[in-house]
């Protein structure tokens, strides 16, 4: 029993050190991505946020603002997925081979189903290209949609017949 506890304690200390190292490495993880045309470079930090964005000097001459914006969004998405995958790869060795509670303590419930497996952050399929401007789909003045339904008629109150009647007496008067 003592040998088993010593082994468990040694494994725990080793895994704690591995976790500390993996967390330090994960905090410094970045991804550097470049657009296929070389016009945009982005650096994504460990949190998946854009840390640095660079444009080629002639980027604004070689593309439109809409294409450039789409390129930046795609690069940030790709870089975020790369960072997530790098962090998952760092953490995977730590979680492999962990004993289940049921293996350690007789009669204890299994906790294996409570810890989800580390996902594979594969790059998702690219979105279909959007038109460069609203004019590519036709004029904005053309109305291709069915007309809106007519508004409901408003009810009009008939005029009061007792216009010359005095206002009702109020309980707030002094009794005059």
Protein backbone atom coordinates (compact mmCIF):
# COMPACT_ATOMS: atom_id res chain seq x y z
CA UNK A 1 0.00 0.00 0.00
CA UNK A 2 2.85 2.39 0.90
CA UNK A 3 4.61 1.65 -2.40
CA UNK A 4 1.40 2.35 -4.31
CA UNK A 5 0.94 5.68 -2.53
CA UNK A 6 4.58 6.63 -3.17
CA UNK A 7 4.13 5.86 -6.86
CA UNK A 8 0.95 7.92 -7.01
CA UNK A 9 2.65 10.82 -5.24
CA UNK A 10 5.63 10.69 -7.62
CA UNK A 11 3.29 10.65 -10.63
CA UNK A 12 1.33 13.55 -9.19
CA UNK A 13 4.47 15.63 -8.67
CA UNK A 14 5.73 14.80 -12.17
CA UNK A 15 2.39 15.71 -13.73
CA UNK A 16 2.21 18.93 -11.70
CA UNK A 17 5.64 19.94 -13.03
CA UNK A 18 4.57 19.03 -16.58
CA UNK A 19 1.39 21.06 -16.18
CA UNK A 20 3.32 24.07 -14.90
CA UNK A 21 5.71 23.87 -17.88
CA UNK A 22 2.85 23.39 -20.33
CA UNK A 23 0.95 26.35 -18.91
CA UNK A 24 4.04 28.56 -19.19
CA UNK A 25 4.57 27.44 -22.79
CA UNK A 26 0.87 27.91 -23.59
CA UNK A 27 0.95 31.47 -22.24
CA UNK A 28 3.73 32.29 -24.71
CA UNK A 29 2.17 30.52 -27.69
CA UNK A 30 1.62 32.61 -30.79
CA UNK A 31 0.77 31.99 -34.41
CA UNK A 32 2.15 33.93 -37.35
CA UNK A 33 0.00 33.76 -40.47
CA UNK A 34 0.43 35.35 -43.89
CA UNK A 35 -2.12 35.74 -46.66
CA UNK A 36 -1.51 33.71 -49.84
CA UNK A 37 -0.82 36.90 -51.80
CA UNK A 38 1.62 38.15 -49.14
CA UNK A 39 -0.23 41.41 -48.62
CA UNK A 40 -1.22 40.80 -44.97
CA UNK A 41 0.66 39.30 -42.00
CA UNK A 42 -0.91 38.74 -38.61
CA UNK A 43 0.29 37.55 -35.23
CA UNK A 44 -2.22 35.90 -32.90
CA UNK A 45 -1.49 35.67 -29.16
CA UNK A 46 -2.19 32.81 -26.74
CA UNK A 47 -5.71 34.08 -26.05
CA UNK A 48 -6.59 33.94 -29.75
CA UNK A 49 -6.57 37.72 -30.13
CA UNK A 50 -4.93 39.72 -32.84
CA UNK A 51 -1.58 40.93 -31.44
CA UNK A 52 -0.01 42.42 -34.57
CA UNK A 53 -1.25 43.24 -38.06
CA UNK A 54 1.00 44.26 -40.94
CA UNK A 55 0.14 45.26 -44.51
CA UNK A 56 2.49 45.21 -47.47
CA UNK A 57 3.30 48.73 -48.66
CA UNK A 58 1.30 48.23 -51.86
CA UNK A 59 -1.63 46.38 -50.25
CA UNK A 60 -4.07 49.21 -50.79
CA UNK A 61 -3.12 49.48 -54.46
CA UNK A 62 -3.45 45.75 -55.21
CA UNK A 63 -6.79 45.01 -53.53
CA UNK A 64 -10.06 46.57 -52.48
CA UNK A 65 -10.96 47.44 -48.89
CA UNK A 66 -13.61 44.69 -48.82
CA UNK A 67 -11.13 42.04 -49.98
CA UNK A 68 -8.56 43.28 -47.50
CA UNK A 69 -11.06 43.11 -44.65
CA UNK A 70 -12.04 39.58 -45.67
CA UNK A 71 -8.36 38.58 -45.78
CA UNK A 72 -7.75 39.96 -42.28
CA UNK A 73 -10.78 38.08 -40.89
CA UNK A 74 -9.63 34.84 -42.51
CA UNK A 75 -6.08 35.22 -41.17
CA UNK A 76 -7.28 35.94 -37.63
CA UNK A 77 -9.56 32.89 -37.75
CA UNK A 78 -6.75 30.66 -39.07
CA UNK A 79 -4.27 32.00 -36.52
CA UNK A 80 -6.70 31.47 -33.64
CA UNK A 81 -7.21 27.86 -34.70
CA UNK A 82 -3.45 27.36 -34.93
CA UNK A 83 -2.95 28.73 -31.41
CA UNK A 84 -5.72 26.51 -30.02
CA UNK A 85 -4.18 23.45 -31.69
CA UNK A 86 -0.70 24.27 -30.36
CA UNK A 87 -2.06 24.62 -26.82
CA UNK A 88 -4.05 21.38 -27.17
CA UNK A 89 -0.88 19.62 -28.32
CA UNK A 90 0.98 20.97 -25.28
CA UNK A 91 -1.69 19.73 -22.87
CA UNK A 92 -2.33 16.32 -24.48
CA UNK A 93 0.64 14.47 -22.90
CA UNK A 94 -0.42 15.58 -19.43
CA UNK A 95 -3.93 14.17 -19.69
CA UNK A 96 -2.92 10.88 -21.33
CA UNK A 97 -2.66 7.90 -19.05
CA UNK A 98 -4.35 9.49 -16.06
CA UNK A 99 -5.90 6.82 -13.84
CA UNK A 100 -9.63 6.92 -13.28
CA UNK A 101 -10.98 7.32 -9.75
CA UNK A 102 -12.61 3.89 -10.00
CA UNK A 103 -9.14 2.40 -10.65
CA UNK A 104 -7.74 3.99 -7.49
CA UNK A 105 -10.58 3.54 -5.01
CA UNK A 106 -12.77 0.44 -4.86
CA UNK A 107 -16.44 1.29 -5.29
CA UNK A 108 -15.78 4.88 -6.41
CA UNK A 109 -17.64 6.15 -9.48
CA UNK A 110 -15.83 6.54 -12.77
CA UNK A 111 -15.02 10.12 -13.74
CA UNK A 112 -13.85 9.25 -17.25
CA UNK A 113 -16.98 10.62 -18.92
CA UNK A 114 -16.80 13.95 -17.09
CA UNK A 115 -13.57 15.10 -18.70
CA UNK A 116 -14.07 15.79 -22.40
CA UNK A 117 -11.30 14.78 -24.80
CA UNK A 118 -9.11 17.51 -26.20
CA UNK A 119 -10.62 18.46 -29.58
CA UNK A 120 -8.73 18.65 -32.83
CA UNK A 121 -8.86 22.25 -34.02
CA UNK A 122 -8.78 21.51 -37.73
CA UNK A 123 -9.19 24.44 -40.02
CA UNK A 124 -12.79 24.89 -41.01
CA UNK A 125 -13.89 25.21 -44.61
CA UNK A 126 -13.56 28.73 -45.98
CA UNK A 127 -16.68 30.77 -46.39
CA UNK A 128 -17.83 31.47 -49.94
CA UNK A 129 -16.49 34.82 -51.14
CA UNK A 130 -18.80 37.73 -50.64
CA UNK A 131 -19.27 40.32 -53.34
CA UNK A 132 -16.78 43.15 -53.21
CA UNK A 133 -19.51 45.72 -52.93
CA UNK A 134 -23.27 46.00 -52.86
CA UNK A 135 -23.20 46.95 -56.53
CA UNK A 136 -21.97 43.49 -57.56
CA UNK A 137 -25.35 42.06 -56.69
CA UNK A 138 -27.21 44.76 -58.59
CA UNK A 139 -28.48 48.17 -57.76
CA UNK A 140 -29.50 48.94 -54.22
CA UNK A 141 -32.46 50.80 -55.65
CA UNK A 142 -33.95 47.70 -57.23
CA UNK A 143 -36.46 46.06 -54.95
CA UNK A 144 -36.25 42.28 -55.41
CA UNK A 145 -38.28 41.54 -52.31
CA UNK A 146 -42.06 41.34 -52.14
CA UNK A 147 -43.72 44.55 -51.00
CA UNK A 148 -44.30 44.95 -47.30
CA UNK A 149 -47.86 44.32 -46.13
CA UNK A 150 -50.05 47.39 -45.90
CA UNK A 151 -50.18 48.85 -42.39
CA UNK A 152 -53.26 48.07 -40.35
CA UNK A 153 -55.84 50.87 -40.46
CA UNK A 154 -55.82 53.05 -37.40
CA UNK A 155 -58.97 53.39 -35.40
CA UNK A 156 -60.34 56.89 -35.27
CA UNK A 157 -62.40 57.95 -32.28
CA UNK A 158 -65.68 59.57 -33.12
CA UNK A 159 -66.07 63.12 -31.82
CA UNK A 160 -67.78 63.44 -28.45
CA UNK A 161 -71.40 64.49 -28.61
CA UNK A 162 -71.42 66.07 -25.17
CA UNK A 163 -68.81 68.79 -25.84
CA UNK A 164 -70.67 71.49 -23.91
CA UNK A 165 -70.83 69.39 -20.78
CA UNK A 166 -68.82 70.62 -17.79
CA UNK A 167 -65.87 68.60 -16.60
CA UNK A 168 -66.74 66.14 -13.88
CA UNK A 169 -66.42 67.29 -10.33
CA UNK A 170 -63.44 65.99 -8.52
CA UNK A 171 -63.02 64.81 -4.99
CA UNK A 172 -59.89 67.00 -4.88
CA UNK A 173 -61.88 70.22 -4.79
CA UNK A 174 -62.44 72.17 -1.58
CA UNK A 175 -66.12 71.66 -1.79
CA UNK A 176 -66.92 75.08 -3.23
